[in-house]
Amino acid sequence: MKLLFIALMVSLTSSSCQDKHQDLEDGLYAEFVTNKGTMVAKLFYEKVPVVVANFVGLAEGTHPKLADSLKGKPFYDGIIFHRVMDKFMIQGGDPTGTGMGSAGYKFFSEFDTSLSHDKAGILSMANSGGYNTNGSQFFITEVPKQNLDGFYADGSLKNCNGRVSCHSVFGELVKGLEVQDSISNVAVNPKNKPLEDVVIQKLNIIRKGDAAKAFDAAKVFTEQEPLLPQKLEELKAKELERIKEQSKEAAANFIKKHADFPGEVKEFPTGMVMILDAKADGIKPKPSDRVLIDCTGLFEDGSFFFSTIVEDAKKYNNYNEDAEKQGAYNAFAMPYNESATLVPGFREAMLNMDIGDKARIFVPSYLGYGAAGRGPVPPNANLIFDIELVGLDKK
């Protein structure tokens, strides 16, 4: 009887909300009734079903991971917006109001590259970093914040296990942007908590149309959330194939551009391309040897980012006298084997060179610094290196 009563109350509330918002097109919506006004967000349940199922399950008290004491209760009702930052976002969903609370569980991230923090009113998951730290907390943007996406502008995925922001977009305000704006402008303390509580008095889920009415949040979360890590790996694999295809064209352009460069063109199955100017009597190092390497690193457009060679640093207007005094312009030693701590494309080139050989190589991004980038190298950058094996390390 208790469960029947709860189901009846949810049905009545939903019907009342739908009557109030008859102008909404078919879809799944969340109505935030706050003490500052009402906002309505459309939920992207077809693109990110698990994140939406999590939110809907909490709002309706049907989430399978809720403790028994919380089941059947609207989780978000009475919760405050505990973190408010003007020209950024408003954040809620923490039952403790401290920013440290949750619904008692965490779940994996879910991304769709068509959904971005590209405007005001974007509803997204808050987390503490990494892929598996989503819970009950969410935020709504006041301005575009695409640096919060789980992918870059070209659609390539970020390495979200690094120190980068990766948040799952799952909705967008279709009503009440002015309410979001008024909340973002309330007075706050030094920790960005409103001085006077901004309360979610009621969070109602509205279903318009047969597809939205058939969306079973508990079932979707139970069945699909365990599949998210594999789904992410599939996205990564698909992304890698896309990058490899793009790199083939870039490698072909590299070869064409360097048609007059001295040396033999060698194309490797990995995607690395080498123009090798081999020394006639070069010594082949043994895997137990350490070799001394001079190199200069360039971006695809020919701009400079690194060199161990004074002349090259000066040539590209990047010479630093203090750096030279500290030994920056000296050949560095590396083991002549797979243990060498070099990006894969550079290491592969080195292992195909003898002492005295020189080479200009093309390193596709996935054999370089990848999606993470490093230092002056941005994410997903193809690189060009001039390399010379100048000798064996006798130390």
Protein backbone atom coordinates (compact mmCIF):
# COMPACT_ATOMS: atom_id res chain seq x y z
CA MET A 1 0.00 0.00 0.00
CA LYS A 2 2.88 2.37 0.83
CA LEU A 3 4.54 1.79 -2.55
CA LEU A 4 1.18 2.21 -4.28
CA PHE A 5 0.68 5.52 -2.46
CA ILE A 6 4.16 6.75 -3.48
CA ALA A 7 3.55 5.77 -7.10
CA LEU A 8 0.19 7.54 -7.03
CA MET A 9 1.72 10.72 -5.58
CA VAL A 10 4.51 10.72 -8.21
CA SER A 11 1.89 10.27 -10.92
CA LEU A 12 -0.25 13.10 -9.60
CA THR A 13 2.74 15.44 -9.27
CA SER A 14 3.90 14.60 -12.79
CA SER A 15 0.43 15.21 -14.21
CA SER A 16 0.22 18.57 -12.43
CA CYS A 17 3.62 19.63 -13.83
CA GLN A 18 2.72 18.56 -17.32
CA ASP A 19 -0.46 20.58 -17.16
CA LYS A 20 1.60 23.60 -16.14
CA HIS A 21 4.06 23.16 -19.04
CA GLN A 22 1.81 22.27 -21.95
CA ASP A 23 4.06 24.21 -24.33
CA LEU A 24 6.91 21.73 -23.97
CA GLU A 25 7.56 19.41 -26.90
CA ASP A 26 7.87 15.65 -26.39
CA GLY A 27 10.77 14.74 -24.15
CA LEU A 28 11.99 14.19 -20.61
CA TYR A 29 12.31 17.26 -18.38
CA ALA A 30 13.35 18.28 -14.89
CA GLU A 31 11.48 21.11 -13.18
CA PHE A 32 13.51 22.86 -10.47
CA VAL A 33 11.14 24.70 -8.17
CA THR A 34 13.35 26.96 -6.01
CA ASN A 35 12.79 29.80 -3.61
CA LYS A 36 14.19 32.06 -6.35
CA GLY A 37 11.86 30.84 -9.10
CA THR A 38 11.38 27.85 -11.39
CA MET A 39 13.74 26.42 -14.02
CA VAL A 40 12.95 23.64 -16.49
CA ALA A 41 15.68 21.56 -18.13
CA LYS A 42 15.31 19.19 -21.04
CA LEU A 43 17.15 15.93 -20.28
CA PHE A 44 19.15 14.23 -23.04
CA TYR A 45 18.05 10.69 -22.19
CA GLU A 46 18.62 9.36 -25.70
CA LYS A 47 22.27 10.51 -25.87
CA VAL A 48 23.43 9.95 -22.28
CA PRO A 49 20.84 7.55 -20.84
CA VAL A 50 22.82 6.48 -17.77
CA VAL A 51 23.52 10.00 -16.49
CA VAL A 52 19.88 10.94 -17.02
CA ALA A 53 18.74 7.71 -15.36
CA ASN A 54 20.90 8.56 -12.35
CA PHE A 55 19.37 12.02 -12.04
CA VAL A 56 15.78 10.89 -12.62
CA GLY A 57 16.18 7.93 -10.27
CA LEU A 58 17.36 10.24 -7.50
CA ALA A 59 14.66 12.82 -8.17
CA GLU A 60 11.93 10.18 -7.99
CA GLY A 61 13.47 8.05 -5.23
CA THR A 62 13.72 4.98 -7.46
CA HIS A 63 17.50 4.81 -7.86
CA PRO A 64 18.73 1.21 -7.37
CA LYS A 65 21.81 2.33 -5.42
CA LEU A 66 19.96 4.41 -2.87
CA ALA A 67 20.01 3.19 0.71
CA ASP A 68 16.72 1.67 1.84
CA SER A 69 16.12 4.67 4.09
CA LEU A 70 16.18 6.97 1.03
CA LYS A 71 14.17 4.87 -1.39
CA GLY A 72 10.76 6.21 -2.30
CA LYS A 73 11.78 9.73 -1.30
CA PRO A 74 12.54 12.59 -3.73
CA PHE A 75 16.27 12.96 -3.09
CA TYR A 76 16.71 16.53 -4.29
CA ASP A 77 13.75 18.12 -2.51
CA GLY A 78 14.98 20.52 0.17
CA ILE A 79 18.62 20.48 -0.97
CA ILE A 80 20.39 23.83 -1.43
CA PHE A 81 22.65 25.22 -4.12
CA HIS A 82 25.78 25.06 -1.99
CA ARG A 83 28.25 26.55 -4.48
CA VAL A 84 27.43 29.64 -6.56
CA MET A 85 29.94 31.41 -8.79
CA ASP A 86 28.89 34.41 -10.85
CA LYS A 87 29.80 34.18 -14.54
CA PHE A 88 30.39 30.46 -14.08
CA MET A 89 27.73 28.16 -12.61
CA ILE A 90 25.45 27.16 -9.73
CA GLN A 91 25.98 23.77 -8.08
CA GLY A 92 23.67 21.60 -6.01
CA GLY A 93 22.81 18.01 -5.21
CA ASP A 94 24.68 17.61 -1.93
CA PRO A 95 22.35 16.63 0.93
CA THR A 96 24.88 17.94 3.47
CA GLY A 97 25.18 21.35 1.79
CA THR A 98 28.95 21.26 2.25
CA GLY A 99 30.09 20.15 -1.18
CA MET A 100 31.39 16.90 0.33
CA GLY A 101 28.16 14.92 0.45
CA SER A 102 26.59 12.44 -1.95
CA ALA A 103 23.85 9.85 -2.31
CA GLY A 104 26.25 7.17 -1.06
CA TYR A 105 27.69 5.85 -4.33
CA LYS A 106 29.76 6.82 -7.37
CA PHE A 107 29.32 5.95 -11.02
CA PHE A 108 31.24 6.12 -14.28
CA SER A 109 31.23 9.05 -16.71
CA GLU A 110 29.21 9.04 -19.92
CA PHE A 111 29.99 11.42 -22.78
CA ASP A 112 28.41 12.34 -26.08
CA THR A 113 30.56 14.60 -28.25
CA SER A 114 27.50 16.46 -29.52
CA LEU A 115 26.81 17.71 -25.98
CA SER A 116 29.02 20.55 -24.79
CA HIS A 117 29.17 23.24 -22.11
CA ASP A 118 28.85 25.70 -24.99
CA LYS A 119 26.15 28.02 -23.67
CA ALA A 120 24.35 29.24 -20.60
CA GLY A 121 21.92 26.86 -18.94
CA ILE A 122 23.81 23.60 -19.51
CA LEU A 123 23.03 20.95 -16.88
CA SER A 124 26.03 18.75 -16.12
CA MET A 125 27.48 16.36 -13.55
CA ALA A 126 29.86 17.65 -10.90
CA ASN A 127 32.65 15.31 -9.88
CA SER A 128 35.96 15.22 -8.05
CA GLY A 129 38.11 14.25 -11.04
CA GLY A 130 38.68 11.10 -13.05
CA TYR A 131 36.06 8.95 -14.73
CA ASN A 132 34.45 7.23 -11.76
CA THR A 133 33.55 10.02 -9.31
CA ASN A 134 30.05 11.06 -10.40
CA GLY A 135 27.27 10.92 -7.82
CA SER A 136 24.35 13.18 -7.00
CA GLN A 137 25.93 16.61 -7.46
CA PHE A 138 25.25 18.66 -10.58
CA PHE A 139 25.73 22.20 -11.86
CA ILE A 140 24.08 24.59 -14.31
CA THR A 141 26.28 26.96 -16.32
CA GLU A 142 25.74 30.70 -16.53
CA VAL A 143 28.17 31.16 -19.42
CA PRO A 144 29.88 28.86 -21.97
CA LYS A 145 32.58 26.72 -20.34
CA GLN A 146 33.78 24.28 -22.99
CA ASN A 147 36.94 23.57 -21.03
CA LEU A 148 34.69 21.40 -18.84
CA ASP A 149 33.88 19.02 -21.71
CA GLY A 150 35.25 15.49 -21.69
CA PHE A 151 36.66 16.09 -25.16
CA TYR A 152 38.47 18.75 -27.16
CA ALA A 153 37.02 21.08 -29.79
CA ASP A 154 37.95 18.65 -32.58
CA GLY A 155 35.93 15.91 -30.87
CA SER A 156 38.92 13.95 -29.58
CA LEU A 157 38.58 12.60 -26.05
CA LYS A 158 40.55 14.01 -23.15
CA ASN A 159 42.55 11.87 -20.77
CA CYS A 160 40.12 12.40 -17.91
CA ASN A 161 42.27 10.48 -15.44
CA GLY A 162 44.73 13.33 -15.59
CA ARG A 163 44.33 16.72 -13.91
CA VAL A 164 41.77 17.96 -16.40
CA SER A 165 38.09 18.82 -16.06
CA CYS A 166 35.73 16.25 -17.61
CA HIS A 167 32.03 16.61 -16.91
CA SER A 168 29.03 14.82 -18.41
CA VAL A 169 26.45 17.14 -19.96
CA PHE A 170 22.96 15.67 -19.62
CA GLY A 171 20.50 18.54 -19.98
CA GLU A 172 19.82 22.15 -20.89
CA LEU A 173 17.52 24.80 -19.48
CA VAL A 174 14.58 25.56 -21.74
CA LYS A 175 12.87 27.78 -19.18
CA GLY A 176 14.18 29.90 -16.34
CA LEU A 177 17.57 31.16 -17.54
CA GLU A 178 16.77 34.38 -15.71
CA VAL A 179 16.31 32.33 -12.52
CA GLN A 180 19.72 30.72 -12.98
CA ASP A 181 21.15 34.21 -13.46
CA SER A 182 19.48 35.53 -10.31
CA ILE A 183 20.83 32.61 -8.28
CA SER A 184 24.33 33.11 -9.65
CA ASN A 185 24.25 36.70 -8.43
CA VAL A 186 23.32 36.08 -4.79
CA ALA A 187 25.75 37.16 -2.07
CA VAL A 188 28.18 34.38 -1.11
CA ASN A 189 30.87 33.74 1.50
CA PRO A 190 34.58 33.25 0.60
CA LYS A 191 33.82 29.58 -0.19
CA ASN A 192 31.12 30.59 -2.70
CA LYS A 193 28.26 29.38 -0.53
CA PRO A 194 25.20 31.66 -0.56
CA LEU A 195 24.79 33.69 2.63
CA GLU A 196 21.07 32.93 2.46
CA ASP A 197 20.04 29.44 1.37
CA VAL A 198 18.88 28.95 -2.20
CA VAL A 199 16.68 25.89 -1.89
CA ILE A 200 15.38 23.35 -4.38
CA GLN A 201 11.93 23.14 -2.87
CA LYS A 202 10.79 20.53 -5.36
CA LEU A 203 12.45 18.75 -8.28
CA ASN A 204 9.81 17.25 -10.57
CA ILE A 205 10.38 14.96 -13.55
CA ILE A 206 8.09 15.65 -16.50
CA ARG A 207 7.47 13.09 -19.24
CA LYS A 208 6.05 14.19 -22.58
CA GLY A 209 5.36 11.56 -25.24
CA ASP A 210 5.49 7.79 -25.30
CA ALA A 211 9.30 7.45 -25.43
CA ALA A 212 9.83 9.65 -22.37
CA LYS A 213 7.04 7.89 -20.48
CA ALA A 214 8.66 4.53 -21.25
CA PHE A 215 12.06 5.62 -19.89
CA ASP A 216 12.67 3.37 -16.86
CA ALA A 217 15.44 5.08 -14.91
CA ALA A 218 16.11 2.23 -12.48
CA LYS A 219 16.29 -0.35 -15.26
CA VAL A 220 18.50 1.81 -17.48
CA PHE A 221 20.96 2.50 -14.67
CA THR A 222 21.10 -1.12 -13.54
CA GLU A 223 21.63 -2.52 -17.02
CA GLN A 224 23.76 0.13 -18.69
CA GLU A 225 25.94 1.71 -15.99
CA PRO A 226 28.22 -1.38 -15.72
CA LEU A 227 28.82 -1.11 -19.49
CA LEU A 228 30.12 2.47 -19.41
CA PRO A 229 33.85 1.63 -19.05
CA GLN A 230 33.62 -0.59 -22.13
CA LYS A 231 31.61 2.08 -23.94
CA LEU A 232 34.38 4.57 -23.20
CA GLU A 233 37.02 2.17 -24.53
CA GLU A 234 34.98 1.78 -27.72
CA LEU A 235 34.80 5.58 -28.04
CA LYS A 236 38.57 5.77 -27.56
CA ALA A 237 39.18 3.06 -30.17
CA LYS A 238 36.90 4.83 -32.64
CA GLU A 239 38.66 8.11 -31.92
CA LEU A 240 42.08 6.52 -32.42
CA GLU A 241 41.02 5.19 -35.82
CA ARG A 242 39.85 8.66 -36.80
CA ILE A 243 43.15 10.20 -35.69
CA LYS A 244 45.14 7.55 -37.56
CA GLU A 245 43.25 8.28 -40.76
CA GLN A 246 43.95 12.00 -40.38
CA SER A 247 47.60 11.25 -39.64
CA LYS A 248 47.99 9.35 -42.91
CA GLU A 249 47.21 12.53 -44.81
CA ALA A 250 49.56 14.52 -42.58
CA ALA A 251 52.34 11.95 -43.16
CA ALA A 252 51.82 12.14 -46.92
CA ASN A 253 52.09 15.93 -46.74
CA PHE A 254 55.29 15.58 -44.70
CA ILE A 255 56.84 13.37 -47.40
CA LYS A 256 55.74 15.73 -50.18
CA LYS A 257 57.01 18.81 -48.35
CA HIS A 258 60.42 17.18 -47.81
CA ALA A 259 60.87 15.74 -51.29
CA ASP A 260 64.30 17.43 -51.55
CA PHE A 261 65.41 16.57 -48.02
CA PRO A 262 68.58 14.45 -47.99
CA GLY A 263 68.08 10.81 -47.14
CA GLU A 264 65.91 7.75 -47.76
CA VAL A 265 62.20 7.93 -46.98
CA LYS A 266 61.06 5.09 -44.74
CA GLU A 267 57.41 4.60 -43.84
CA PHE A 268 56.68 2.38 -40.86
CA PRO A 269 53.49 0.38 -40.20
CA THR A 270 52.96 2.31 -36.96
CA GLY A 271 52.54 5.58 -38.88
CA MET A 272 55.97 7.04 -38.11
CA VAL A 273 57.85 8.34 -41.16
CA MET A 274 61.62 8.76 -41.29
CA ILE A 275 63.87 10.47 -43.81
CA LEU A 276 67.16 8.77 -42.91
CA ASP A 277 70.52 10.25 -43.84
CA ALA A 278 72.66 7.24 -42.91
CA LYS A 279 76.37 7.45 -42.17
CA ALA A 280 78.23 4.99 -44.37
CA ASP A 281 80.30 3.43 -41.58
CA GLY A 282 77.93 3.99 -38.68
CA ILE A 283 78.23 1.66 -35.69
CA LYS A 284 75.11 -0.30 -34.79
CA PRO A 285 74.55 0.05 -31.02
CA LYS A 286 73.75 -3.00 -28.91
CA PRO A 287 70.58 -3.15 -26.76
CA SER A 288 72.83 -2.92 -23.71
CA ASP A 289 74.36 0.37 -24.93
CA ARG A 290 73.34 3.89 -24.13
CA VAL A 291 73.42 6.38 -26.97
CA LEU A 292 73.85 10.15 -27.02
CA ILE A 293 71.13 12.00 -28.92
CA ASP A 294 70.87 15.52 -30.25
CA CYS A 295 67.46 16.61 -31.44
CA THR A 296 65.22 19.51 -32.34
CA GLY A 297 61.45 19.32 -32.01
CA LEU A 298 59.08 21.16 -34.35
CA PHE A 299 55.35 21.35 -34.83
CA GLU A 300 53.74 20.46 -38.16
CA ASP A 301 53.78 24.09 -39.26
CA GLY A 302 57.55 24.25 -38.70
CA SER A 303 57.44 26.23 -35.46
CA PHE A 304 59.92 25.34 -32.73
CA PHE A 305 59.28 23.83 -29.29
CA PHE A 306 62.54 22.17 -28.15
CA SER A 307 66.20 21.64 -28.99
CA THR A 308 69.43 20.34 -27.50
CA ILE A 309 71.36 22.20 -30.21
CA VAL A 310 72.48 25.80 -29.64
CA GLU A 311 72.51 26.61 -33.34
CA ASP A 312 68.94 25.42 -33.80
CA ALA A 313 67.72 27.30 -30.74
CA LYS A 314 69.26 30.47 -32.19
CA LYS A 315 67.92 29.71 -35.67
CA TYR A 316 64.36 29.58 -34.32
CA ASN A 317 64.87 32.58 -32.00
CA ASN A 318 64.52 30.46 -28.88
CA TYR A 319 68.05 30.62 -27.53
CA ASN A 320 68.37 31.10 -23.76
CA GLU A 321 71.78 31.95 -22.34
CA ASP A 322 70.88 30.82 -18.81
CA ALA A 323 69.61 27.52 -20.20
CA GLU A 324 72.95 27.01 -21.95
CA LYS A 325 74.84 27.67 -18.71
CA GLN A 326 72.71 25.02 -17.05
CA GLY A 327 73.59 22.46 -19.73
CA ALA A 328 70.31 22.46 -21.65
CA TYR A 329 72.06 22.40 -25.03
CA ASN A 330 73.82 19.06 -24.66
CA ALA A 331 73.12 15.67 -26.17
CA PHE A 332 71.19 13.42 -23.80
CA ALA A 333 71.74 9.73 -23.07
CA MET A 334 69.17 7.00 -23.61
CA PRO A 335 69.30 3.19 -23.49
CA TYR A 336 69.23 1.75 -27.00
CA ASN A 337 66.24 -0.46 -26.33
CA GLU A 338 62.49 -0.37 -25.65
CA SER A 339 63.05 0.85 -22.09
CA ALA A 340 64.08 4.29 -23.37
CA THR A 341 61.81 6.94 -21.85
CA LEU A 342 60.92 8.57 -25.14
CA VAL A 343 57.60 8.98 -26.91
CA PRO A 344 56.93 5.84 -28.97
CA GLY A 345 57.53 7.42 -32.39
CA PHE A 346 60.87 8.94 -31.35
CA ARG A 347 61.98 5.68 -29.73
CA GLU A 348 61.08 3.71 -32.86
CA ALA A 349 63.14 6.08 -34.98
CA MET A 350 66.13 5.90 -32.64
CA LEU A 351 66.13 2.10 -32.76
CA ASN A 352 66.34 2.25 -36.55
CA MET A 353 69.43 4.46 -36.53
CA ASP A 354 73.17 3.86 -36.16
CA ILE A 355 75.78 6.09 -34.58
CA GLY A 356 76.34 9.09 -36.84
CA ASP A 357 72.98 8.78 -38.59
CA LYS A 358 70.77 11.81 -38.96
CA ALA A 359 67.04 11.78 -39.58
CA ARG A 360 64.02 14.01 -39.86
CA ILE A 361 60.96 12.14 -38.62
CA PHE A 362 57.20 12.61 -38.61
CA VAL A 363 55.57 11.44 -35.37
CA PRO A 364 51.75 11.20 -35.44
CA SER A 365 50.07 12.42 -32.28
CA TYR A 366 49.18 8.93 -31.03
CA LEU A 367 52.90 8.04 -31.11
CA GLY A 368 53.78 11.35 -29.47
CA TYR A 369 52.14 13.00 -26.47
CA GLY A 370 48.63 11.92 -27.43
CA ALA A 371 45.44 13.41 -26.04
CA ALA A 372 47.18 14.68 -22.91
CA GLY A 373 49.88 16.76 -24.55
CA ARG A 374 52.83 17.86 -22.46
CA GLY A 375 54.44 21.20 -21.68
CA PRO A 376 54.45 23.28 -24.87
CA VAL A 377 52.98 20.40 -26.89
CA PRO A 378 49.18 20.67 -27.08
CA PRO A 379 46.87 17.65 -27.12
CA ASN A 380 46.75 15.58 -30.32
CA ALA A 381 49.68 17.35 -31.98
CA ASN A 382 51.64 15.69 -34.77
CA LEU A 383 55.35 16.40 -34.34
CA ILE A 384 58.55 16.61 -36.41
CA PHE A 385 61.96 15.82 -34.94
CA ASP A 386 65.48 16.24 -36.31
CA ILE A 387 67.54 13.52 -34.66
CA GLU A 388 71.22 12.62 -34.66
CA LEU A 389 72.87 9.75 -32.79
CA VAL A 390 76.12 11.51 -31.95
CA GLY A 391 77.87 8.68 -30.08
CA LEU A 392 77.81 6.07 -27.35
CA ASP A 393 77.51 7.12 -23.75
CA LYS A 394 80.72 5.98 -22.06
CA LYS A 395 79.69 6.97 -18.54
